[in-house]
Amino acid sequence: MTATAKPIDFLWFIPTSGDGAYLGTTDLNRGPEIGYLQQIAQAVDRLGYTGVLLPTGVSCEESFVTAAALSAHTQKLKFLVAIRPGTASPAYYARLASTLDRVSNGRVLLNIVVGGSPAELAGDGIHLEHDERYAHADEFFHVWEELLETGSSTFEGKYIKATNARLGLPPVQAPRPPLYFGGSSDAGIEFSVGRVDKYLTWGEPPAQVAEKIAKVRAAAAKRGREVSFGIRLHFIVRETDEEAWAAAEKLISKLDDETIREAQEQFVNQSDSVGQKRMAALHGGRRDKLEVSPNLWAGVGLVRAGAGTALVGSPKTVAARLREYQELGIETVIGSGYPHLEEAYRVAELLFPELGLKRDEQRAGFRNEFGAKQIFAGGSHGGNLKVVSGS
C-alpha cells in the first residue's frame, strides 16, 4: 500500500444458503446451520473484518433474523443486511431496521436489493416490470427514510401510500443506518444516486468498473450528491500464485458440463438483471475463458448467481489487483471464499498484512531462559520456539 492510500474497508460474507468446499456438487456441503454461521461471524469479528453481508432470497435464511442472532455473539462486527422493498411495508421495515440497530448498538448497514428473478419476486408478491421496481423502491424508501429520521411519514405515490405512519423508537445511528446498493441498469443507477450512501459493483475487469464508476459519479453530480464505492469479490489467496490457481481449479473440479449448462440457461432465461447478464458475458459458460482479466477468475459464476468472479493469487498479487480497483475509487471490499470459515482465516492471515490492515493479535508470549520466543502452543511439548535477539 502506498503511503497516501487509504486502507480498504474489508467485509466478509455470511453464507445463509449453505457453504461447501466444491461448487456445483453436494460433496462436502455445509448447511446454513446457525452454529456454523455463528462460527464465521465470530471468526471475522476477531480477525479484523469490519462487517458481514447477509443476502436475501428464497434459498437464504431471513437476513434480519439471522443478523439479530449473530449480533448477540459478536462485539464490533457490522451487519450489512439485505432489504428487498415490496416484501413488506416501509413502516414494517423501518421497525425492523430501527430495532436491529438498537439491539446491535448501532452496527447495522442496509443493502437494498431490488432486482432478481421475476419468478421469485412474483412469489414474494412483487409483480412489477424491471424499471417500475426502481420507481416503486424510490417511493418505498422515501417513507422508510422519513420514519427513521423523523418518526413519522404521510405519503401518497403511484405505488406506496402511507397515512400517518409512525416509528415509536429511533435507531442508534443518526439520522439512519447507511444504505448500500448494487445495480448496473440505467434505472438502478438513477435510483441509487438519489438515495444511497455506497454504490456496489460486482467484480468486473477494472476497465468495466472504471466505466461504471464514472457513470454513477456523473449521475450523482447531476443530483448534487456524492456516493462512495464498493466491490463484491470472491478470494482464493494462497502463499504462492501456483497454489492459488490449483485451489481455483479444485473448487470446480467436481463440476460437470451439464450442471454448467443448466445454470447458465437459468441465469439468462429466469433473470432480468443487467448485472447478472454482465457477469455471464465475462465467460460465456466456457471453462477455457475463465481468467477474464489478470488474476480475475470467473469460475465461480459458472454455477453461482450474483457475484461470480474471484481474485486468485499470492498475497502480493491479489493486493496489487485490489490497489488497481482502489485507484479507481473503490473504498470497500465485500469478500467471500469457499468454505467461508477457512477462507476468512486465509484472507486475514495472508492478505491483510499486504493491505496494511491490522488483525486482532494475541499478546506476545514471554521469552524463555534461552532468549527464545514461543510461536504457538503445543500442549505438554511446550510449543515451537524461535530465538529472538535484542530486548
Protein backbone atom coordinates (compact mmCIF):
# COMPACT_ATOMS: atom_id res chain seq x y z
CA MET A 1 0.00 0.00 0.00
CA THR A 2 1.35 3.42 -0.92
CA ALA A 3 1.90 5.98 1.80
CA THR A 4 -1.10 8.01 0.63
CA ALA A 5 -3.52 5.13 0.03
CA LYS A 6 -6.44 4.83 2.41
CA PRO A 7 -6.86 1.35 3.96
CA ILE A 8 -9.61 -0.68 2.34
CA ASP A 9 -12.75 -1.29 4.38
CA PHE A 10 -12.97 -5.10 4.24
CA LEU A 11 -16.20 -7.04 4.91
CA TRP A 12 -16.92 -10.76 4.61
CA PHE A 13 -19.97 -12.85 3.62
CA ILE A 14 -22.31 -14.99 5.71
CA PRO A 15 -23.44 -17.97 3.54
CA THR A 16 -27.06 -18.17 4.67
CA SER A 17 -27.98 -20.58 1.86
CA GLY A 18 -25.19 -23.02 2.69
CA ASP A 19 -21.47 -23.48 2.16
CA GLY A 20 -19.01 -26.06 0.93
CA ALA A 21 -15.58 -26.94 -0.40
CA TYR A 22 -16.68 -27.50 -4.03
CA LEU A 23 -19.03 -25.73 -6.45
CA GLY A 24 -21.86 -27.48 -8.25
CA THR A 25 -21.94 -30.64 -6.13
CA THR A 26 -23.34 -31.87 -2.84
CA ASP A 27 -19.93 -33.26 -1.84
CA LEU A 28 -18.66 -31.73 1.42
CA ASN A 29 -21.63 -29.37 1.63
CA ARG A 30 -22.47 -27.49 4.83
CA GLY A 31 -25.99 -26.34 5.57
CA PRO A 32 -26.70 -22.83 6.92
CA GLU A 33 -26.92 -24.07 10.49
CA ILE A 34 -26.89 -21.16 12.94
CA GLY A 35 -23.99 -22.59 14.94
CA TYR A 36 -21.81 -22.65 11.82
CA LEU A 37 -22.86 -19.14 10.78
CA GLN A 38 -22.03 -18.01 14.31
CA GLN A 39 -18.55 -19.53 13.96
CA ILE A 40 -17.96 -17.49 10.81
CA ALA A 41 -19.26 -14.27 12.36
CA GLN A 42 -17.16 -14.66 15.50
CA ALA A 43 -14.06 -15.50 13.45
CA VAL A 44 -14.33 -12.46 11.19
CA ASP A 45 -15.16 -10.24 14.17
CA ARG A 46 -11.96 -11.40 15.84
CA LEU A 47 -9.84 -11.32 12.68
CA GLY A 48 -10.45 -7.65 11.99
CA TYR A 49 -13.08 -7.58 9.24
CA THR A 50 -15.35 -4.56 9.68
CA GLY A 51 -18.60 -6.28 8.78
CA VAL A 52 -20.50 -9.07 7.06
CA LEU A 53 -23.03 -9.17 4.23
CA LEU A 54 -26.22 -11.19 4.71
CA PRO A 55 -28.06 -11.88 1.42
CA THR A 56 -31.76 -12.28 0.72
CA GLY A 57 -33.70 -14.76 -1.39
CA VAL A 58 -35.92 -17.79 -1.22
CA SER A 59 -32.92 -20.08 -0.63
CA CYS A 60 -31.46 -17.94 2.17
CA GLU A 61 -32.20 -17.71 5.85
CA GLU A 62 -34.00 -14.44 6.59
CA SER A 63 -31.43 -11.65 6.79
CA PHE A 64 -32.77 -9.56 9.70
CA VAL A 65 -33.45 -12.56 11.92
CA THR A 66 -30.02 -14.04 11.22
CA ALA A 67 -28.28 -10.70 11.85
CA ALA A 68 -30.09 -10.32 15.18
CA ALA A 69 -28.98 -13.81 16.22
CA LEU A 70 -25.35 -13.18 15.24
CA SER A 71 -25.17 -9.70 16.75
CA ALA A 72 -25.59 -11.23 20.22
CA HIS A 73 -22.38 -13.25 19.72
CA THR A 74 -20.14 -10.53 18.24
CA GLN A 75 -18.68 -7.29 19.52
CA LYS A 76 -17.59 -4.90 16.76
CA LEU A 77 -18.88 -6.55 13.60
CA LYS A 78 -21.30 -4.55 11.43
CA PHE A 79 -24.15 -6.31 9.63
CA LEU A 80 -24.90 -5.37 6.02
CA VAL A 81 -28.43 -6.71 5.94
CA ALA A 82 -30.31 -7.23 2.67
CA ILE A 83 -33.64 -5.42 2.45
CA ARG A 84 -35.99 -6.05 -0.50
CA PRO A 85 -38.65 -3.34 -0.90
CA GLY A 86 -42.09 -4.77 -1.55
CA THR A 87 -41.86 -7.91 0.56
CA ALA A 88 -43.22 -5.86 3.48
CA SER A 89 -44.37 -2.27 4.06
CA PRO A 90 -41.92 0.61 4.57
CA ALA A 91 -43.21 1.06 8.11
CA TYR A 92 -42.56 -2.59 8.99
CA TYR A 93 -39.04 -2.50 7.54
CA ALA A 94 -38.42 0.76 9.43
CA ARG A 95 -39.28 -1.02 12.68
CA LEU A 96 -37.04 -3.97 11.75
CA ALA A 97 -34.09 -1.71 10.91
CA SER A 98 -34.51 0.51 13.96
CA THR A 99 -34.86 -2.44 16.34
CA LEU A 100 -31.86 -4.26 14.89
CA ASP A 101 -29.80 -1.08 15.10
CA ARG A 102 -30.66 -0.75 18.80
CA VAL A 103 -30.19 -4.45 19.55
CA SER A 104 -26.74 -4.39 17.92
CA ASN A 105 -25.83 -0.98 19.38
CA GLY A 106 -25.54 0.80 16.06
CA ARG A 107 -23.96 -1.95 13.95
CA VAL A 108 -26.49 -2.06 11.10
CA LEU A 109 -25.91 -1.32 7.41
CA LEU A 110 -28.70 -1.86 4.85
CA ASN A 111 -28.15 -3.38 1.41
CA ILE A 112 -31.05 -2.56 -0.92
CA VAL A 113 -31.91 -5.46 -3.25
CA VAL A 114 -34.40 -4.55 -5.97
CA GLY A 115 -33.52 -6.94 -8.81
CA GLY A 116 -33.52 -10.69 -9.18
CA SER A 117 -35.60 -13.41 -10.73
CA PRO A 118 -39.08 -12.21 -11.78
CA ALA A 119 -40.45 -15.64 -10.81
CA GLU A 120 -39.02 -15.38 -7.28
CA LEU A 121 -40.20 -11.78 -6.98
CA ALA A 122 -43.69 -12.82 -8.02
CA GLY A 123 -43.65 -15.39 -5.24
CA ASP A 124 -42.92 -12.53 -2.83
CA GLY A 125 -45.89 -10.58 -4.20
CA ILE A 126 -43.87 -8.24 -6.42
CA HIS A 127 -45.41 -8.09 -9.92
CA LEU A 128 -43.66 -5.08 -11.44
CA GLU A 129 -41.54 -4.77 -14.57
CA HIS A 130 -37.81 -4.13 -14.23
CA ASP A 131 -37.75 -0.30 -14.33
CA GLU A 132 -41.00 0.00 -12.39
CA ARG A 133 -39.40 -1.83 -9.48
CA TYR A 134 -36.96 1.07 -9.08
CA ALA A 135 -39.74 3.67 -9.21
CA HIS A 136 -41.52 1.65 -6.52
CA ALA A 137 -38.30 1.39 -4.48
CA ASP A 138 -37.83 5.16 -4.60
CA GLU A 139 -41.28 5.72 -3.08
CA PHE A 140 -40.72 2.93 -0.58
CA PHE A 141 -37.50 4.44 0.74
CA HIS A 142 -38.99 7.93 0.82
CA VAL A 143 -41.38 6.69 3.53
CA TRP A 144 -38.75 4.45 5.15
CA GLU A 145 -36.22 7.28 5.47
CA GLU A 146 -38.77 9.74 6.85
CA LEU A 147 -39.73 7.23 9.53
CA LEU A 148 -36.13 6.54 10.54
CA GLU A 149 -35.19 10.21 10.53
CA THR A 150 -38.31 11.89 11.95
CA GLY A 151 -40.51 9.13 13.37
CA SER A 152 -43.49 9.81 11.09
CA SER A 153 -44.46 9.86 7.41
CA THR A 154 -47.50 10.60 5.29
CA PHE A 155 -47.10 9.95 1.58
CA GLU A 156 -49.27 9.10 -1.44
CA GLY A 157 -47.48 7.97 -4.57
CA LYS A 158 -48.14 5.71 -7.53
CA TYR A 159 -47.00 2.59 -5.65
CA ILE A 160 -46.84 3.48 -1.96
CA LYS A 161 -49.42 5.10 0.29
CA ALA A 162 -48.71 5.76 3.97
CA THR A 163 -51.15 7.65 6.17
CA ASN A 164 -49.67 8.97 9.41
CA ALA A 165 -47.16 6.13 9.62
CA ARG A 166 -45.27 6.16 12.91
CA LEU A 167 -42.00 4.81 14.29
CA GLY A 168 -42.01 4.72 18.07
CA LEU A 169 -38.31 4.18 18.77
CA PRO A 170 -35.45 5.70 16.72
CA PRO A 171 -32.29 3.89 15.54
CA VAL A 172 -28.96 4.37 17.31
CA GLN A 173 -27.32 5.77 14.16
CA ALA A 174 -28.48 9.24 13.20
CA PRO A 175 -30.19 10.10 11.02
CA ARG A 176 -30.44 6.45 9.87
CA PRO A 177 -28.24 3.40 9.18
CA PRO A 178 -26.21 3.75 5.93
CA LEU A 179 -27.74 2.49 2.68
CA TYR A 180 -25.80 0.36 0.18
CA PHE A 181 -26.97 -0.69 -3.28
CA GLY A 182 -25.75 -2.54 -6.35
CA GLY A 183 -27.39 -2.38 -9.78
CA SER A 184 -26.00 -1.99 -13.30
CA SER A 185 -29.08 -0.87 -15.22
CA ASP A 186 -29.77 2.79 -16.01
CA ALA A 187 -32.86 2.68 -13.81
CA GLY A 188 -30.87 1.14 -10.97
CA ILE A 189 -28.15 3.78 -11.20
CA GLU A 190 -30.66 6.63 -11.25
CA PHE A 191 -32.37 5.20 -8.18
CA SER A 192 -29.09 4.72 -6.35
CA VAL A 193 -27.66 8.19 -6.80
CA GLY A 194 -30.77 9.76 -5.32
CA ARG A 195 -30.81 7.61 -2.19
CA VAL A 196 -27.80 5.53 -1.22
CA ASP A 197 -24.52 6.20 0.53
CA LYS A 198 -22.43 3.46 -1.12
CA TYR A 199 -22.74 2.03 -4.62
CA LEU A 200 -21.59 -1.58 -5.02
CA THR A 201 -20.35 -3.28 -8.16
CA TRP A 202 -19.64 -6.93 -8.80
CA GLY A 203 -16.05 -7.86 -9.62
CA GLU A 204 -15.82 -6.96 -13.28
CA PRO A 205 -12.48 -6.21 -15.01
CA PRO A 206 -11.03 -2.85 -13.93
CA ALA A 207 -11.86 -1.12 -17.22
CA GLN A 208 -15.53 -2.01 -16.86
CA VAL A 209 -15.56 -0.98 -13.21
CA ALA A 210 -13.95 2.35 -14.13
CA GLU A 211 -16.64 2.96 -16.75
CA LYS A 212 -19.40 2.17 -14.25
CA ILE A 213 -17.93 4.38 -11.52
CA ALA A 214 -17.66 7.30 -13.95
CA LYS A 215 -21.29 6.82 -14.96
CA VAL A 216 -22.51 6.70 -11.36
CA ARG A 217 -20.43 9.74 -10.37
CA ALA A 218 -21.82 11.77 -13.27
CA ALA A 219 -25.40 10.79 -12.41
CA ALA A 220 -24.84 11.65 -8.73
CA ALA A 221 -23.31 15.02 -9.60
CA LYS A 222 -26.48 15.95 -11.52
CA ARG A 223 -28.39 15.37 -8.26
CA GLY A 224 -25.88 17.39 -6.25
CA ARG A 225 -24.83 14.26 -4.39
CA GLU A 226 -21.71 12.13 -3.90
CA VAL A 227 -21.58 8.39 -3.27
CA SER A 228 -18.71 6.13 -2.25
CA PHE A 229 -17.95 2.82 -3.95
CA GLY A 230 -17.50 -0.82 -3.00
CA ILE A 231 -16.87 -4.09 -4.83
CA ARG A 232 -18.14 -7.64 -4.26
CA LEU A 233 -15.49 -10.31 -4.92
CA HIS A 234 -14.56 -13.87 -4.04
CA PHE A 235 -10.97 -14.57 -2.97
CA ILE A 236 -8.64 -17.50 -3.48
CA VAL A 237 -5.42 -16.48 -1.73
CA ARG A 238 -2.53 -18.86 -1.10
CA GLU A 239 1.16 -18.42 -0.29
CA THR A 240 2.09 -18.68 -3.98
CA ASP A 241 0.30 -17.93 -7.24
CA GLU A 242 0.66 -21.58 -8.26
CA GLU A 243 -1.06 -22.81 -5.11
CA ALA A 244 -3.87 -20.30 -5.59
CA TRP A 245 -4.58 -21.34 -9.17
CA ALA A 246 -4.54 -25.01 -8.13
CA ALA A 247 -7.11 -24.19 -5.44
CA ALA A 248 -9.28 -22.42 -8.02
CA GLU A 249 -9.24 -25.47 -10.28
CA LYS A 250 -10.03 -27.72 -7.32
CA LEU A 251 -13.07 -25.61 -6.46
CA ILE A 252 -14.72 -26.50 -9.79
CA SER A 253 -13.13 -29.95 -10.19
CA LYS A 254 -16.41 -31.79 -9.49
CA LEU A 255 -18.47 -29.54 -11.73
CA ASP A 256 -19.82 -31.25 -14.86
CA ASP A 257 -20.73 -29.60 -18.14
CA GLU A 258 -24.45 -30.33 -17.82
CA THR A 259 -24.64 -28.54 -14.48
CA ILE A 260 -22.90 -25.52 -16.03
CA ARG A 261 -25.29 -25.51 -18.99
CA GLU A 262 -28.38 -25.70 -16.80
CA ALA A 263 -27.11 -22.93 -14.52
CA GLN A 264 -26.27 -20.61 -17.41
CA GLU A 265 -29.67 -21.17 -19.05
CA GLN A 266 -31.36 -20.35 -15.75
CA PHE A 267 -29.35 -17.14 -15.31
CA VAL A 268 -30.18 -15.97 -18.84
CA ASN A 269 -33.83 -17.02 -19.03
CA GLN A 270 -35.06 -16.50 -15.47
CA SER A 271 -33.40 -13.20 -14.56
CA ASP A 272 -33.87 -9.70 -15.94
CA SER A 273 -30.84 -8.42 -14.01
CA VAL A 274 -28.45 -6.38 -16.15
CA GLY A 275 -25.66 -7.11 -13.68
CA GLN A 276 -26.25 -10.87 -13.97
CA LYS A 277 -26.06 -10.67 -17.75
CA ARG A 278 -22.78 -8.76 -17.47
CA MET A 279 -21.40 -11.47 -15.19
CA ALA A 280 -22.44 -14.26 -17.56
CA ALA A 281 -20.94 -12.45 -20.56
CA LEU A 282 -17.50 -12.50 -18.96
CA HIS A 283 -17.04 -16.22 -19.58
CA GLY A 284 -19.99 -17.39 -21.69
CA GLY A 285 -20.19 -20.62 -19.71
CA ARG A 286 -16.81 -21.79 -21.04
CA ARG A 287 -14.17 -23.35 -18.82
CA ASP A 288 -11.35 -22.18 -21.13
CA LYS A 289 -12.17 -18.46 -20.78
CA LEU A 290 -12.24 -18.04 -17.02
CA GLU A 291 -9.35 -15.62 -16.44
CA VAL A 292 -11.21 -12.55 -17.71
CA SER A 293 -8.57 -10.08 -16.51
CA PRO A 294 -5.19 -10.63 -14.84
CA ASN A 295 -5.88 -12.81 -11.77
CA LEU A 296 -9.65 -12.19 -12.07
CA TRP A 297 -11.22 -15.64 -12.41
CA ALA A 298 -14.87 -16.15 -13.40
CA GLY A 299 -15.14 -19.82 -12.40
CA VAL A 300 -17.50 -19.10 -9.51
CA GLY A 301 -20.01 -17.61 -11.94
CA LEU A 302 -20.30 -20.87 -13.89
CA VAL A 303 -22.93 -22.04 -11.40
CA ARG A 304 -23.40 -19.26 -8.84
CA ALA A 305 -25.81 -16.39 -9.44
CA GLY A 306 -24.72 -12.90 -8.46
CA ALA A 307 -21.07 -12.22 -7.75
CA GLY A 308 -19.20 -14.67 -9.95
CA THR A 309 -15.56 -13.61 -10.00
CA ALA A 310 -12.62 -14.23 -7.68
CA LEU A 311 -9.21 -12.66 -7.32
CA VAL A 312 -6.69 -15.52 -7.43
CA GLY A 313 -3.06 -15.43 -6.40
CA SER A 314 -0.46 -14.88 -3.74
CA PRO A 315 -0.96 -12.11 -1.17
CA LYS A 316 1.26 -9.70 -3.14
CA THR A 317 -0.51 -10.49 -6.40
CA VAL A 318 -4.03 -10.09 -5.03
CA ALA A 319 -3.07 -6.93 -3.12
CA ALA A 320 -1.76 -5.42 -6.37
CA ARG A 321 -5.03 -6.18 -8.14
CA LEU A 322 -7.02 -4.67 -5.27
CA ARG A 323 -4.93 -1.50 -5.44
CA GLU A 324 -5.92 -1.17 -9.09
CA TYR A 325 -9.58 -1.13 -8.03
CA GLN A 326 -8.74 1.21 -5.17
CA GLU A 327 -7.18 3.69 -7.59
CA LEU A 328 -10.47 3.73 -9.50
CA GLY A 329 -12.32 4.82 -6.36
CA ILE A 330 -13.20 1.55 -4.61
CA GLU A 331 -13.12 2.03 -0.82
CA THR A 332 -14.97 -1.07 0.40
CA VAL A 333 -14.48 -4.75 -0.41
CA ILE A 334 -17.08 -7.41 0.39
CA GLY A 335 -15.25 -10.69 0.14
CA SER A 336 -16.06 -14.37 0.33
CA GLY A 337 -14.47 -17.75 -0.34
CA TYR A 338 -15.31 -21.44 -0.16
CA PRO A 339 -15.60 -22.61 2.54
CA HIS A 340 -16.21 -19.26 4.21
CA LEU A 341 -14.81 -20.11 7.61
CA GLU A 342 -11.43 -21.36 6.42
CA GLU A 343 -11.07 -18.75 3.69
CA ALA A 344 -11.83 -15.93 6.15
CA TYR A 345 -8.72 -17.00 8.06
CA ARG A 346 -6.61 -17.31 4.90
CA VAL A 347 -7.55 -13.85 3.65
CA ALA A 348 -6.94 -12.24 7.04
CA GLU A 349 -3.67 -14.05 7.72
CA LEU A 350 -2.18 -13.79 4.22
CA LEU A 351 -3.74 -10.75 2.52
CA PHE A 352 -4.45 -8.28 5.32
CA PRO A 353 -0.75 -7.62 6.08
CA GLU A 354 -0.17 -6.76 2.40
CA LEU A 355 -3.08 -4.30 2.54
CA GLY A 356 -1.90 -2.68 5.76
CA LEU A 357 -4.95 -3.97 7.63
CA LYS A 358 -4.48 -4.85 11.28
CA ARG A 359 -5.70 -8.10 12.73
CA ASP A 360 -6.50 -8.59 16.40
CA GLU A 361 -3.41 -10.31 17.74
CA GLN A 362 -2.86 -12.28 20.91
CA ARG A 363 -0.34 -10.75 23.29
CA ALA A 364 3.22 -11.83 22.62
CA GLY A 365 4.45 -14.58 24.89
CA PHE A 366 7.39 -14.33 27.27
CA ARG A 367 10.85 -15.47 26.18
CA ASN A 368 12.30 -18.45 27.96
CA GLU A 369 15.64 -18.53 29.72
CA PHE A 370 17.44 -19.12 26.41
CA GLY A 371 16.03 -15.97 24.79
CA ALA A 372 13.66 -17.99 22.63
CA LYS A 373 10.05 -16.96 21.98
CA GLN A 374 7.10 -19.34 21.84
CA ILE A 375 5.44 -19.22 18.43
CA PHE A 376 2.44 -21.49 19.01
CA ALA A 377 1.33 -23.70 21.84
CA GLY A 378 1.97 -27.43 21.71
CA GLY A 379 0.44 -28.75 24.92
CA SER A 380 2.93 -30.67 27.03
CA HIS A 381 5.52 -30.31 24.27
CA GLY A 382 5.82 -26.60 25.01
CA GLY A 383 5.21 -25.26 21.51
CA ASN A 384 7.65 -24.12 18.83
CA LEU A 385 10.46 -21.75 19.85
CA LYS A 386 12.24 -19.09 17.90
CA VAL A 387 15.37 -17.32 19.10
CA VAL A 388 14.80 -13.57 19.15
CA SER A 389 17.75 -11.25 19.59
CA GLY A 390 17.62 -7.93 21.39
CA SER A 391 15.28 -6.77 24.11
